[in-house]
Amino acid sequence: MKLGLFACIVACVGVAHIAVLFLISHWRTMGQPYVPPPEPTFTTATFHFVDDKGTEVKRVKEFTVSTEFIDPEKAKAVAPKK
């Protein structure tokens, strides 16, 4: 058997296995409701400063991350540990 034919057979068998695994995972989630991904907790902004000649002098990239670990109302309800 030639080496090229053997490599082709191995590649086809690999692709077939990946396709079967994809179909199985798709069938498992078929009846479940769609859960949208969570909203991102970060924002980005870019500011460009241009001089009188029209050339860019400075570029500022700003990343803001806001994370809330627990709802403040639930935090008040939890008794502090002593």
Protein backbone atom coordinates (compact mmCIF):
# COMPACT_ATOMS: atom_id res chain seq x y z
CA MET A 1 0.00 0.00 0.00
CA LYS A 2 1.36 3.40 -0.92
CA LEU A 3 2.07 5.96 1.80
CA GLY A 4 -0.15 8.62 0.20
CA LEU A 5 -3.15 6.28 0.06
CA PHE A 6 -2.61 5.29 3.69
CA ALA A 7 -2.48 8.97 4.75
CA CYS A 8 -5.70 9.67 2.84
CA ILE A 9 -7.49 6.78 4.55
CA VAL A 10 -6.31 7.94 7.99
CA ALA A 11 -7.47 11.51 7.27
CA CYS A 12 -10.90 10.32 6.06
CA VAL A 13 -11.39 8.15 9.14
CA GLY A 14 -10.44 11.10 11.37
CA VAL A 15 -12.88 13.45 9.65
CA ALA A 16 -15.64 10.84 9.91
CA HIS A 17 -15.04 10.45 13.65
CA ILE A 18 -15.14 14.22 14.18
CA ALA A 19 -18.41 14.44 12.21
CA VAL A 20 -20.03 11.68 14.27
CA LEU A 21 -18.95 13.32 17.55
CA PHE A 22 -20.33 16.66 16.35
CA LEU A 23 -23.70 15.08 15.48
CA ILE A 24 -23.91 13.34 18.86
CA SER A 25 -23.21 16.58 20.73
CA HIS A 26 -25.77 18.40 18.58
CA TRP A 27 -28.47 15.80 19.25
CA ARG A 28 -27.86 16.00 23.01
CA THR A 29 -28.60 19.74 23.10
CA MET A 30 -31.47 19.65 20.62
CA GLY A 31 -34.40 19.68 23.09
CA GLN A 32 -32.89 22.11 25.58
CA PRO A 33 -33.77 25.82 25.54
CA TYR A 34 -31.23 28.29 24.19
CA VAL A 35 -29.22 30.00 26.91
CA PRO A 36 -27.78 33.29 25.63
CA PRO A 37 -24.19 34.02 26.57
CA PRO A 38 -23.67 36.49 29.42
CA GLU A 39 -23.22 40.16 28.67
CA PRO A 40 -19.57 41.25 28.55
CA THR A 41 -18.35 43.05 31.67
CA PHE A 42 -15.85 45.21 29.84
CA THR A 43 -15.87 48.15 27.47
CA THR A 44 -13.17 49.58 25.25
CA ALA A 45 -12.58 53.05 23.89
CA THR A 46 -9.88 54.52 21.67
CA PHE A 47 -9.07 58.22 21.57
CA HIS A 48 -7.02 59.74 18.75
CA PHE A 49 -5.25 63.07 19.24
CA VAL A 50 -4.40 64.85 16.01
CA ASP A 51 -2.26 67.98 15.59
CA ASP A 52 -3.00 70.89 13.26
CA LYS A 53 -1.28 69.20 10.31
CA GLY A 54 -3.61 66.20 10.52
CA THR A 55 -1.03 63.69 11.73
CA GLU A 56 -1.82 61.49 14.66
CA VAL A 57 0.12 62.56 17.73
CA LYS A 58 -1.20 60.20 20.36
CA ARG A 59 -3.51 57.21 20.59
CA VAL A 60 -5.00 56.22 23.95
CA LYS A 61 -6.71 52.86 24.39
CA GLU A 62 -8.93 52.52 27.43
CA PHE A 63 -10.24 49.26 28.84
CA THR A 64 -12.85 49.35 31.60
CA VAL A 65 -13.78 46.20 33.48
CA SER A 66 -16.69 46.09 35.90
CA THR A 67 -17.41 42.99 37.90
CA GLU A 68 -20.12 42.50 40.50
CA PHE A 69 -19.55 39.36 42.50
CA ILE A 70 -22.81 39.33 44.47
CA ASP A 71 -26.08 41.21 44.45
CA PRO A 72 -25.91 43.94 47.16
CA GLU A 73 -29.34 42.95 48.52
CA LYS A 74 -28.18 39.37 48.98
CA ALA A 75 -24.98 40.58 50.63
CA LYS A 76 -27.00 42.43 53.29
CA ALA A 77 -29.03 39.29 54.02
CA VAL A 78 -25.96 37.14 54.72
CA ALA A 79 -24.85 37.26 58.33
CA PRO A 80 -21.14 38.06 58.82
CA LYS A 81 -19.01 35.19 60.12
CA LYS A 82 -17.56 35.62 63.63
